[in-house]
């Protein structure tokens, strides 16, 4: 059993440390990762699950102990999915009028939801995270995309910066390592 102590580490370090431990121990069956915050717990859990591990989380004295076991290889869930992601870095589409930009963003996402070729993920960073949180007029469109199998991801650091983490309405919180990984695995359309 390999153990990775990520106490005191901030996003994306716990995910990268876990990734490095898996790479150093190719045939690893079991791993325990210790983190000290909820965001790291979620991000490391998602990462391990994406690598074929089942994950159990236990909290003790303010620390999260993630115990993961390698599952038998299952069918690739990305098979048959489309080969691109959309990165949205602002809450408006284009430059110029903010009002027009919000209207265009709504239209873009609606048109995308009706498209035959859906993205694997839509990633929201910087002020783009305002689109996935309370008060956004497009969370219904994003929920429709999510129901169609599109992964809706909001940058955890960005949500923290804007004090929006508790207001997340659709999708899940992600980290910069996962964002980079998706951008390198898939063609990326940046808005």
N, C-alpha and C. Protein backbone atom coordinates (compact mmCIF):
# COMPACT_ATOMS: atom_id res chain seq x y z
N UNK A 1 0.85 -1.18 0.00
CA UNK A 1 0.00 0.00 0.00
C UNK A 1 0.89 1.24 0.00
N UNK A 2 0.60 2.15 -0.92
CA UNK A 2 1.32 3.40 -1.03
C UNK A 2 0.52 4.48 -0.31
N UNK A 3 1.22 5.36 0.40
CA UNK A 3 0.56 6.46 1.10
C UNK A 3 1.15 7.78 0.61
N UNK A 4 0.25 8.77 0.36
CA UNK A 4 0.68 10.08 -0.10
C UNK A 4 0.12 11.12 0.87
N UNK A 5 1.02 11.87 1.51
CA UNK A 5 0.61 12.87 2.50
C UNK A 5 0.60 14.24 1.83
N UNK A 6 -0.61 14.79 1.62
CA UNK A 6 -0.77 16.07 0.92
C UNK A 6 -1.24 17.18 1.87
N UNK A 7 -1.04 17.00 3.16
CA UNK A 7 -1.45 18.04 4.11
C UNK A 7 -0.70 19.34 3.82
N UNK A 8 -1.46 20.44 3.84
CA UNK A 8 -0.86 21.74 3.61
C UNK A 8 -0.64 22.09 2.15
N UNK A 9 -1.03 21.23 1.25
CA UNK A 9 -0.83 21.46 -0.19
C UNK A 9 -2.10 22.04 -0.80
N UNK A 10 -1.92 22.99 -1.72
CA UNK A 10 -3.06 23.63 -2.39
C UNK A 10 -3.18 23.12 -3.81
N UNK A 11 -4.38 23.29 -4.37
CA UNK A 11 -4.69 22.90 -5.75
C UNK A 11 -3.63 23.47 -6.70
N UNK A 12 -3.10 22.68 -7.61
CA UNK A 12 -3.43 21.28 -7.92
C UNK A 12 -2.43 20.29 -7.34
N UNK A 13 -1.61 20.70 -6.37
CA UNK A 13 -0.54 19.84 -5.86
C UNK A 13 -1.00 18.46 -5.38
N UNK A 14 -2.10 18.33 -4.62
CA UNK A 14 -2.49 16.98 -4.19
C UNK A 14 -2.77 16.02 -5.36
N UNK A 15 -3.39 16.53 -6.41
CA UNK A 15 -3.67 15.68 -7.57
C UNK A 15 -2.36 15.29 -8.25
N UNK A 16 -1.45 16.23 -8.40
CA UNK A 16 -0.17 15.95 -9.06
C UNK A 16 0.66 14.98 -8.22
N UNK A 17 0.66 15.16 -6.89
CA UNK A 17 1.39 14.23 -6.03
C UNK A 17 0.82 12.82 -6.14
N UNK A 18 -0.50 12.72 -6.21
CA UNK A 18 -1.15 11.42 -6.36
C UNK A 18 -0.80 10.80 -7.71
N UNK A 19 -0.86 11.61 -8.76
CA UNK A 19 -0.50 11.15 -10.11
C UNK A 19 0.93 10.62 -10.13
N UNK A 20 1.85 11.38 -9.52
CA UNK A 20 3.26 10.95 -9.49
C UNK A 20 3.43 9.63 -8.74
N UNK A 21 2.69 9.46 -7.65
CA UNK A 21 2.77 8.20 -6.89
C UNK A 21 2.28 7.03 -7.74
N UNK A 22 1.22 7.26 -8.52
CA UNK A 22 0.72 6.18 -9.39
C UNK A 22 1.72 5.85 -10.49
N UNK A 23 2.37 6.88 -11.03
CA UNK A 23 3.36 6.64 -12.10
C UNK A 23 4.60 5.94 -11.57
N UNK A 24 5.00 6.23 -10.33
CA UNK A 24 6.18 5.60 -9.73
C UNK A 24 5.92 4.15 -9.34
N UNK A 25 4.66 3.81 -9.15
CA UNK A 25 4.26 2.46 -8.73
C UNK A 25 3.24 1.92 -9.74
N UNK A 26 3.74 1.52 -10.91
CA UNK A 26 2.89 1.16 -12.05
C UNK A 26 1.77 0.17 -11.75
N UNK A 27 2.04 -0.87 -11.02
CA UNK A 27 1.05 -1.92 -10.77
C UNK A 27 0.36 -1.77 -9.42
N UNK A 28 0.23 -0.56 -8.97
CA UNK A 28 -0.35 -0.28 -7.66
C UNK A 28 -1.81 -0.73 -7.61
N UNK A 29 -2.17 -1.40 -6.54
CA UNK A 29 -3.55 -1.86 -6.34
C UNK A 29 -4.27 -1.00 -5.29
N UNK A 30 -3.52 -0.52 -4.30
CA UNK A 30 -4.11 0.25 -3.20
C UNK A 30 -3.26 1.48 -2.90
N UNK A 31 -3.93 2.59 -2.61
CA UNK A 31 -3.25 3.83 -2.28
C UNK A 31 -4.09 4.59 -1.26
N UNK A 32 -3.42 5.24 -0.33
CA UNK A 32 -4.08 6.12 0.63
C UNK A 32 -3.52 7.52 0.44
N UNK A 33 -4.41 8.49 0.33
CA UNK A 33 -4.01 9.88 0.17
C UNK A 33 -4.61 10.67 1.32
N UNK A 34 -3.77 11.47 1.98
CA UNK A 34 -4.22 12.30 3.11
C UNK A 34 -4.26 13.75 2.65
N UNK A 35 -5.43 14.39 2.80
CA UNK A 35 -5.59 15.81 2.44
C UNK A 35 -6.26 16.52 3.61
N UNK A 36 -6.15 17.85 3.60
CA UNK A 36 -6.69 18.60 4.73
C UNK A 36 -7.79 19.59 4.36
N UNK A 37 -8.38 19.42 3.17
CA UNK A 37 -9.50 20.31 2.81
C UNK A 37 -10.44 19.59 1.86
N UNK A 38 -11.68 20.09 1.84
CA UNK A 38 -12.75 19.47 1.06
C UNK A 38 -12.47 19.48 -0.44
N UNK A 39 -11.92 20.60 -0.95
CA UNK A 39 -11.66 20.70 -2.39
C UNK A 39 -10.63 19.65 -2.82
N UNK A 40 -9.56 19.50 -2.06
CA UNK A 40 -8.56 18.49 -2.38
C UNK A 40 -9.15 17.09 -2.30
N UNK A 41 -10.01 16.86 -1.30
CA UNK A 41 -10.67 15.55 -1.18
C UNK A 41 -11.45 15.24 -2.46
N UNK A 42 -12.24 16.20 -2.92
CA UNK A 42 -13.05 15.99 -4.13
C UNK A 42 -12.17 15.81 -5.37
N UNK A 43 -11.17 16.67 -5.53
CA UNK A 43 -10.32 16.61 -6.72
C UNK A 43 -9.50 15.32 -6.79
N UNK A 44 -8.91 14.92 -5.68
CA UNK A 44 -8.12 13.68 -5.68
C UNK A 44 -9.04 12.47 -5.90
N UNK A 45 -10.22 12.49 -5.29
CA UNK A 45 -11.17 11.39 -5.49
C UNK A 45 -11.55 11.26 -6.95
N UNK A 46 -11.87 12.38 -7.60
CA UNK A 46 -12.23 12.35 -9.02
C UNK A 46 -11.07 11.84 -9.86
N UNK A 47 -9.87 12.31 -9.55
CA UNK A 47 -8.69 11.87 -10.30
C UNK A 47 -8.51 10.36 -10.18
N UNK A 48 -8.57 9.84 -8.94
CA UNK A 48 -8.39 8.40 -8.74
C UNK A 48 -9.48 7.59 -9.44
N UNK A 49 -10.71 8.07 -9.38
CA UNK A 49 -11.80 7.38 -10.08
C UNK A 49 -11.56 7.37 -11.59
N UNK A 50 -11.02 8.49 -12.11
CA UNK A 50 -10.74 8.53 -13.56
C UNK A 50 -9.63 7.57 -13.95
N UNK A 51 -8.84 7.12 -12.97
CA UNK A 51 -7.76 6.16 -13.21
C UNK A 51 -8.16 4.74 -12.86
N UNK A 52 -9.46 4.52 -12.61
CA UNK A 52 -9.95 3.17 -12.38
C UNK A 52 -9.94 2.69 -10.95
N UNK A 53 -9.90 3.60 -9.99
CA UNK A 53 -9.91 3.24 -8.58
C UNK A 53 -11.27 3.49 -7.97
N UNK A 54 -11.67 2.65 -7.03
CA UNK A 54 -12.82 2.96 -6.17
C UNK A 54 -12.24 3.71 -4.97
N UNK A 55 -12.97 4.69 -4.47
CA UNK A 55 -12.42 5.56 -3.42
C UNK A 55 -13.38 5.62 -2.24
N UNK A 56 -12.82 5.45 -1.03
CA UNK A 56 -13.57 5.65 0.20
C UNK A 56 -12.90 6.79 0.95
N UNK A 57 -13.70 7.73 1.44
CA UNK A 57 -13.16 8.87 2.19
C UNK A 57 -13.59 8.77 3.65
N UNK A 58 -12.64 9.01 4.54
CA UNK A 58 -12.92 9.00 5.96
C UNK A 58 -12.30 10.25 6.57
N UNK A 59 -13.08 10.95 7.39
CA UNK A 59 -12.57 12.16 8.04
C UNK A 59 -12.19 11.86 9.48
N UNK A 60 -10.97 12.27 9.86
CA UNK A 60 -10.48 12.10 11.22
C UNK A 60 -9.74 13.37 11.63
N UNK A 61 -10.23 14.01 12.66
CA UNK A 61 -9.56 15.18 13.24
C UNK A 61 -9.21 16.24 12.19
N UNK A 62 -10.15 16.53 11.30
CA UNK A 62 -9.94 17.57 10.31
C UNK A 62 -9.15 17.15 9.07
N UNK A 63 -8.78 15.88 9.01
CA UNK A 63 -8.06 15.37 7.84
C UNK A 63 -8.95 14.37 7.11
N UNK A 64 -8.76 14.30 5.79
CA UNK A 64 -9.49 13.32 4.99
C UNK A 64 -8.51 12.24 4.54
N UNK A 65 -8.87 11.00 4.81
CA UNK A 65 -8.07 9.85 4.40
C UNK A 65 -8.82 9.18 3.25
N UNK A 66 -8.22 9.25 2.07
CA UNK A 66 -8.83 8.65 0.88
C UNK A 66 -8.15 7.31 0.63
N UNK A 67 -8.91 6.25 0.77
CA UNK A 67 -8.39 4.91 0.54
C UNK A 67 -8.94 4.44 -0.79
N UNK A 68 -8.05 4.11 -1.70
CA UNK A 68 -8.46 3.75 -3.06
C UNK A 68 -7.95 2.36 -3.42
N UNK A 69 -8.80 1.64 -4.13
CA UNK A 69 -8.45 0.29 -4.59
C UNK A 69 -8.69 0.21 -6.10
N UNK A 70 -7.73 -0.34 -6.82
CA UNK A 70 -7.83 -0.48 -8.27
C UNK A 70 -8.91 -1.48 -8.62
N UNK A 71 -9.86 -1.04 -9.46
CA UNK A 71 -10.93 -1.92 -9.92
C UNK A 71 -10.51 -2.59 -11.20
N UNK A 72 -11.25 -3.65 -11.54
CA UNK A 72 -10.99 -4.31 -12.82
C UNK A 72 -11.30 -3.34 -13.93
N UNK A 73 -10.56 -3.43 -15.01
CA UNK A 73 -10.73 -2.50 -16.12
C UNK A 73 -12.13 -2.62 -16.69
N UNK A 74 -12.77 -1.45 -16.83
CA UNK A 74 -14.12 -1.39 -17.38
C UNK A 74 -14.06 -0.76 -18.76
N UNK A 75 -15.19 -0.78 -19.41
CA UNK A 75 -15.31 -0.18 -20.73
C UNK A 75 -14.98 1.31 -20.65
N UNK A 76 -14.25 1.82 -21.62
CA UNK A 76 -13.86 3.23 -21.67
C UNK A 76 -15.10 4.09 -21.86
N UNK A 77 -15.39 4.95 -20.86
CA UNK A 77 -16.58 5.80 -20.92
C UNK A 77 -16.44 6.92 -21.93
N UNK A 78 -15.24 7.22 -22.37
CA UNK A 78 -15.07 8.30 -23.34
C UNK A 78 -15.29 7.81 -24.76
N UNK A 79 -15.35 6.48 -24.93
CA UNK A 79 -15.55 5.93 -26.27
C UNK A 79 -16.91 6.39 -26.81
N UNK A 80 -16.91 6.92 -28.01
CA UNK A 80 -18.14 7.39 -28.61
C UNK A 80 -18.46 8.84 -28.28
N UNK A 81 -17.74 9.41 -27.33
CA UNK A 81 -17.95 10.82 -27.02
C UNK A 81 -17.17 11.66 -28.01
N UNK A 82 -17.57 12.91 -28.12
CA UNK A 82 -16.89 13.77 -29.08
C UNK A 82 -15.54 14.21 -28.55
N UNK A 83 -14.71 14.69 -29.45
CA UNK A 83 -13.30 14.86 -29.18
C UNK A 83 -12.88 16.30 -28.90
N UNK A 84 -13.75 17.07 -28.27
CA UNK A 84 -13.36 18.44 -27.96
C UNK A 84 -13.94 18.87 -26.62
N UNK A 85 -13.32 19.90 -26.05
CA UNK A 85 -13.82 20.55 -24.85
C UNK A 85 -13.98 22.04 -25.15
N UNK A 86 -14.82 22.69 -24.38
CA UNK A 86 -15.01 24.13 -24.51
C UNK A 86 -14.52 24.76 -23.21
N UNK A 87 -13.62 25.74 -23.34
CA UNK A 87 -13.09 26.47 -22.19
C UNK A 87 -13.70 27.86 -22.21
N UNK A 88 -14.47 28.19 -21.18
CA UNK A 88 -15.12 29.49 -21.10
C UNK A 88 -14.46 30.29 -19.99
N UNK A 89 -13.77 31.37 -20.39
CA UNK A 89 -12.97 32.16 -19.46
C UNK A 89 -13.60 33.47 -19.03
N UNK A 90 -14.84 33.69 -19.42
CA UNK A 90 -15.53 34.92 -19.01
C UNK A 90 -17.03 34.68 -19.06
N UNK A 91 -17.78 35.56 -18.43
CA UNK A 91 -19.22 35.37 -18.39
C UNK A 91 -19.95 36.05 -19.55
N UNK A 92 -19.20 36.60 -20.49
CA UNK A 92 -19.80 37.18 -21.69
C UNK A 92 -19.11 36.59 -22.91
N UNK A 93 -19.79 36.66 -24.06
CA UNK A 93 -19.25 36.13 -25.31
C UNK A 93 -18.79 37.32 -26.14
N UNK A 94 -17.50 37.36 -26.44
CA UNK A 94 -16.95 38.45 -27.25
C UNK A 94 -16.66 39.68 -26.41
N UNK A 95 -16.22 40.72 -27.09
CA UNK A 95 -15.88 41.98 -26.42
C UNK A 95 -16.82 43.07 -26.91
N UNK A 96 -17.03 44.06 -26.09
CA UNK A 96 -17.93 45.16 -26.43
C UNK A 96 -19.00 45.27 -25.38
N UNK A 97 -20.23 45.36 -25.79
CA UNK A 97 -21.36 45.52 -24.89
C UNK A 97 -21.49 44.31 -23.97
N UNK A 98 -21.54 44.56 -22.65
CA UNK A 98 -21.72 43.47 -21.70
C UNK A 98 -23.10 42.83 -21.86
N UNK A 99 -24.10 43.65 -22.07
CA UNK A 99 -25.46 43.14 -22.25
C UNK A 99 -25.54 42.22 -23.48
N UNK A 100 -24.95 42.67 -24.58
CA UNK A 100 -24.93 41.85 -25.79
C UNK A 100 -24.11 40.59 -25.55
N UNK A 101 -22.98 40.71 -24.86
CA UNK A 101 -22.13 39.56 -24.57
C UNK A 101 -22.85 38.48 -23.78
N UNK A 102 -23.69 38.89 -22.82
CA UNK A 102 -24.46 37.92 -22.03
C UNK A 102 -25.52 37.24 -22.91
N UNK A 103 -26.15 38.00 -23.77
CA UNK A 103 -27.14 37.44 -24.69
C UNK A 103 -26.48 36.44 -25.64
N UNK A 104 -25.30 36.81 -26.16
CA UNK A 104 -24.59 35.91 -27.07
C UNK A 104 -24.13 34.63 -26.38
N UNK A 105 -23.70 34.73 -25.11
CA UNK A 105 -23.27 33.54 -24.36
C UNK A 105 -24.45 32.59 -24.18
N UNK A 106 -25.60 33.14 -23.82
CA UNK A 106 -26.80 32.32 -23.66
C UNK A 106 -27.15 31.63 -24.98
N UNK A 107 -27.10 32.39 -26.08
CA UNK A 107 -27.41 31.83 -27.40
C UNK A 107 -26.41 30.76 -27.80
N UNK A 108 -25.13 31.00 -27.54
CA UNK A 108 -24.10 30.02 -27.87
C UNK A 108 -24.34 28.71 -27.14
N UNK A 109 -24.55 28.80 -25.82
CA UNK A 109 -24.71 27.58 -25.03
C UNK A 109 -26.01 26.85 -25.39
N UNK A 110 -27.06 27.59 -25.69
CA UNK A 110 -28.30 26.94 -26.12
C UNK A 110 -28.07 26.21 -27.45
N UNK A 111 -27.44 26.90 -28.41
CA UNK A 111 -27.17 26.28 -29.71
C UNK A 111 -26.28 25.04 -29.53
N UNK A 112 -25.31 25.13 -28.64
CA UNK A 112 -24.43 23.99 -28.36
C UNK A 112 -25.24 22.82 -27.80
N UNK A 113 -26.20 23.12 -26.93
CA UNK A 113 -27.01 22.05 -26.33
C UNK A 113 -27.89 21.35 -27.36
N UNK A 114 -28.16 22.02 -28.46
CA UNK A 114 -28.98 21.44 -29.53
C UNK A 114 -28.13 20.82 -30.63
N UNK A 115 -26.82 20.92 -30.50
CA UNK A 115 -25.88 20.42 -31.50
C UNK A 115 -25.85 18.89 -31.50
N UNK A 116 -25.56 18.31 -32.65
CA UNK A 116 -25.39 16.86 -32.76
C UNK A 116 -24.05 16.42 -32.19
N UNK A 117 -23.07 17.31 -32.21
CA UNK A 117 -21.73 16.97 -31.74
C UNK A 117 -21.43 17.75 -30.46
N UNK A 118 -21.73 17.12 -29.35
CA UNK A 118 -21.53 17.77 -28.04
C UNK A 118 -20.09 17.63 -27.58
N UNK A 119 -19.61 18.58 -26.79
CA UNK A 119 -18.25 18.46 -26.25
C UNK A 119 -18.18 17.42 -25.14
N UNK A 120 -17.00 16.95 -24.86
CA UNK A 120 -16.78 16.03 -23.75
C UNK A 120 -17.00 16.78 -22.44
N UNK A 121 -16.51 18.02 -22.38
CA UNK A 121 -16.62 18.86 -21.18
C UNK A 121 -16.77 20.32 -21.58
N UNK A 122 -17.37 21.09 -20.66
CA UNK A 122 -17.30 22.55 -20.73
C UNK A 122 -16.65 22.98 -19.43
N UNK A 123 -15.56 23.71 -19.55
CA UNK A 123 -14.76 24.11 -18.40
C UNK A 123 -14.90 25.62 -18.20
N UNK A 124 -15.25 26.03 -16.99
CA UNK A 124 -15.46 27.44 -16.67
C UNK A 124 -14.34 27.92 -15.76
N UNK A 125 -13.65 28.98 -16.19
CA UNK A 125 -12.57 29.58 -15.40
C UNK A 125 -12.81 31.08 -15.30
N UNK A 126 -12.06 31.72 -14.41
CA UNK A 126 -12.14 33.15 -14.16
C UNK A 126 -13.60 33.57 -14.03
N UNK A 127 -14.03 34.67 -14.65
CA UNK A 127 -15.42 35.11 -14.47
C UNK A 127 -16.42 34.18 -15.15
N UNK A 128 -15.95 33.22 -15.90
CA UNK A 128 -16.84 32.23 -16.49
C UNK A 128 -17.60 31.44 -15.43
N UNK A 129 -17.03 31.32 -14.21
CA UNK A 129 -17.70 30.56 -13.15
C UNK A 129 -19.00 31.21 -12.71
N UNK A 130 -19.20 32.49 -13.02
CA UNK A 130 -20.48 33.13 -12.71
C UNK A 130 -21.64 32.46 -13.45
N UNK A 131 -21.33 31.77 -14.55
CA UNK A 131 -22.36 31.12 -15.36
C UNK A 131 -22.87 29.82 -14.74
N UNK A 132 -22.12 29.24 -13.81
CA UNK A 132 -22.50 27.96 -13.20
C UNK A 132 -23.05 28.13 -11.78
N UNK A 133 -23.17 29.37 -11.34
CA UNK A 133 -23.54 29.62 -9.95
C UNK A 133 -24.89 30.33 -9.85
N UNK A 134 -25.38 30.45 -8.61
CA UNK A 134 -26.66 31.10 -8.35
C UNK A 134 -26.73 32.48 -8.96
N UNK A 135 -27.87 32.80 -9.52
CA UNK A 135 -28.05 34.09 -10.18
C UNK A 135 -27.82 34.03 -11.68
N UNK A 136 -27.23 32.96 -12.18
CA UNK A 136 -26.99 32.83 -13.61
C UNK A 136 -28.30 32.45 -14.30
N UNK A 137 -28.51 33.04 -15.46
CA UNK A 137 -29.72 32.76 -16.23
C UNK A 137 -29.57 31.53 -17.13
N UNK A 138 -28.39 30.94 -17.14
CA UNK A 138 -28.17 29.82 -18.07
C UNK A 138 -27.96 28.48 -17.39
N UNK A 139 -28.15 28.40 -16.07
CA UNK A 139 -27.91 27.11 -15.41
C UNK A 139 -28.84 26.03 -15.97
N UNK A 140 -30.05 26.40 -16.40
CA UNK A 140 -30.96 25.42 -17.00
C UNK A 140 -30.38 24.81 -18.27
N UNK A 141 -29.76 25.65 -19.10
CA UNK A 141 -29.13 25.16 -20.33
C UNK A 141 -27.97 24.23 -19.98
N UNK A 142 -27.18 24.63 -18.98
CA UNK A 142 -26.04 23.81 -18.57
C UNK A 142 -26.50 22.47 -17.98
N UNK A 143 -27.61 22.48 -17.25
CA UNK A 143 -28.13 21.22 -16.71
C UNK A 143 -28.59 20.30 -17.84
N UNK A 144 -29.17 20.88 -18.90
CA UNK A 144 -29.56 20.09 -20.06
C UNK A 144 -28.33 19.45 -20.70
N UNK A 145 -27.25 20.22 -20.85
CA UNK A 145 -26.01 19.68 -21.41
C UNK A 145 -25.47 18.56 -20.52
N UNK A 146 -25.52 18.76 -19.22
CA UNK A 146 -25.03 17.75 -18.28
C UNK A 146 -25.86 16.47 -18.41
N UNK A 147 -27.17 16.61 -18.54
CA UNK A 147 -28.04 15.44 -18.71
C UNK A 147 -27.72 14.68 -19.99
N UNK A 148 -27.19 15.39 -20.99
CA UNK A 148 -26.82 14.76 -22.26
C UNK A 148 -25.41 14.17 -22.21
N UNK A 149 -24.77 14.20 -21.02
CA UNK A 149 -23.47 13.56 -20.85
C UNK A 149 -22.27 14.48 -20.90
N UNK A 150 -22.49 15.79 -21.01
CA UNK A 150 -21.38 16.74 -21.03
C UNK A 150 -20.96 17.03 -19.59
N UNK A 151 -19.68 16.92 -19.32
CA UNK A 151 -19.15 17.22 -17.99
C UNK A 151 -19.03 18.74 -17.84
N UNK A 152 -19.69 19.30 -16.83
CA UNK A 152 -19.65 20.74 -16.56
C UNK A 152 -18.70 20.94 -15.38
N UNK A 153 -17.60 21.64 -15.62
CA UNK A 153 -16.54 21.78 -14.61
C UNK A 153 -16.24 23.25 -14.33
N UNK A 154 -16.20 23.62 -13.05
CA UNK A 154 -15.85 24.98 -12.64
C UNK A 154 -14.56 24.95 -11.84
N UNK A 155 -13.66 25.86 -12.16
CA UNK A 155 -12.37 25.98 -11.48
C UNK A 155 -12.58 26.31 -9.99
N UNK A 156 -12.07 25.46 -9.12
CA UNK A 156 -12.20 25.67 -7.68
C UNK A 156 -11.52 26.93 -7.19
N UNK A 157 -10.34 27.22 -7.72
CA UNK A 157 -9.62 28.44 -7.34
C UNK A 157 -10.43 29.67 -7.73
N UNK A 158 -11.06 29.64 -8.89
CA UNK A 158 -11.87 30.76 -9.37
C UNK A 158 -13.11 30.94 -8.51
N UNK A 159 -13.78 29.83 -8.18
CA UNK A 159 -14.95 29.90 -7.30
C UNK A 159 -14.56 30.49 -5.95
N UNK A 160 -13.41 30.07 -5.41
CA UNK A 160 -12.92 30.63 -4.14
C UNK A 160 -12.65 32.13 -4.28
N UNK A 161 -11.99 32.52 -5.35
CA UNK A 161 -11.62 33.92 -5.55
C UNK A 161 -12.85 34.83 -5.55
N UNK A 162 -13.92 34.39 -6.22
CA UNK A 162 -15.14 35.18 -6.30
C UNK A 162 -16.14 34.86 -5.18
N UNK A 163 -15.73 34.03 -4.21
CA UNK A 163 -16.61 33.62 -3.10
C UNK A 163 -17.92 33.00 -3.61
N UNK A 164 -17.80 32.10 -4.56
CA UNK A 164 -18.97 31.49 -5.19
C UNK A 164 -19.11 29.99 -4.94
N UNK A 165 -18.16 29.40 -4.22
CA UNK A 165 -18.17 27.94 -4.08
C UNK A 165 -19.50 27.41 -3.53
N UNK A 166 -20.08 28.10 -2.56
CA UNK A 166 -21.33 27.65 -1.95
C UNK A 166 -22.52 27.89 -2.87
N UNK A 167 -22.33 28.67 -3.94
CA UNK A 167 -23.43 29.02 -4.84
C UNK A 167 -23.43 28.20 -6.13
N UNK A 168 -22.52 27.22 -6.23
CA UNK A 168 -22.46 26.39 -7.43
C UNK A 168 -23.79 25.69 -7.65
N UNK A 169 -24.39 25.84 -8.83
CA UNK A 169 -25.71 25.29 -9.14
C UNK A 169 -25.67 24.10 -10.08
N UNK A 170 -24.63 24.01 -10.88
CA UNK A 170 -24.58 22.94 -11.88
C UNK A 170 -23.14 22.49 -12.07
N UNK A 171 -22.96 21.19 -12.30
CA UNK A 171 -21.62 20.65 -12.53
C UNK A 171 -20.87 20.42 -11.24
N UNK A 172 -19.56 20.33 -11.38
CA UNK A 172 -18.71 20.05 -10.22
C UNK A 172 -17.47 20.94 -10.24
N UNK A 173 -16.78 20.94 -9.12
CA UNK A 173 -15.57 21.73 -8.95
C UNK A 173 -14.39 20.92 -9.48
N UNK A 174 -13.49 21.60 -10.19
CA UNK A 174 -12.30 20.93 -10.71
C UNK A 174 -11.06 21.72 -10.33
N UNK A 175 -9.92 21.24 -10.79
CA UNK A 175 -8.64 21.87 -10.46
C UNK A 175 -7.84 22.09 -11.73
N UNK A 176 -6.78 22.86 -11.61
CA UNK A 176 -5.99 23.21 -12.79
C UNK A 176 -5.33 22.00 -13.44
N UNK A 177 -4.95 21.00 -12.67
CA UNK A 177 -4.35 19.82 -13.28
C UNK A 177 -5.34 19.14 -14.22
N UNK A 178 -6.58 18.97 -13.76
CA UNK A 178 -7.60 18.34 -14.60
C UNK A 178 -7.89 19.19 -15.83
N UNK A 179 -7.91 20.51 -15.66
CA UNK A 179 -8.14 21.41 -16.80
C UNK A 179 -7.04 21.22 -17.83
N UNK A 180 -5.80 21.22 -17.39
CA UNK A 180 -4.67 21.04 -18.31
C UNK A 180 -4.75 19.67 -18.97
N UNK A 181 -5.08 18.65 -18.21
CA UNK A 181 -5.17 17.30 -18.77
C UNK A 181 -6.23 17.24 -19.87
N UNK A 182 -7.39 17.81 -19.62
CA UNK A 182 -8.46 17.79 -20.64
C UNK A 182 -8.05 18.61 -21.86
N UNK A 183 -7.38 19.73 -21.64
CA UNK A 183 -6.97 20.56 -22.77
C UNK A 183 -5.90 19.89 -23.62
N UNK A 184 -5.13 18.98 -23.03
CA UNK A 184 -4.12 18.27 -23.81
C UNK A 184 -4.65 16.99 -24.44
N UNK A 185 -5.72 16.43 -23.88
CA UNK A 185 -6.31 15.21 -24.43
C UNK A 185 -7.31 15.48 -25.54
N UNK A 186 -7.94 16.66 -25.51
CA UNK A 186 -9.01 16.99 -26.44
C UNK A 186 -8.70 18.30 -27.16
N UNK A 187 -9.25 18.44 -28.36
CA UNK A 187 -9.20 19.74 -29.01
C UNK A 187 -9.95 20.71 -28.09
N UNK A 188 -9.44 21.96 -28.01
CA UNK A 188 -10.05 22.91 -27.10
C UNK A 188 -10.55 24.13 -27.85
N UNK A 189 -11.81 24.46 -27.64
CA UNK A 189 -12.40 25.70 -28.16
C UNK A 189 -12.45 26.66 -27.00
N UNK A 190 -11.83 27.82 -27.14
CA UNK A 190 -11.77 28.80 -26.07
C UNK A 190 -12.72 29.97 -26.36
N UNK A 191 -13.54 30.27 -25.39
CA UNK A 191 -14.51 31.37 -25.50
C UNK A 191 -14.11 32.46 -24.52
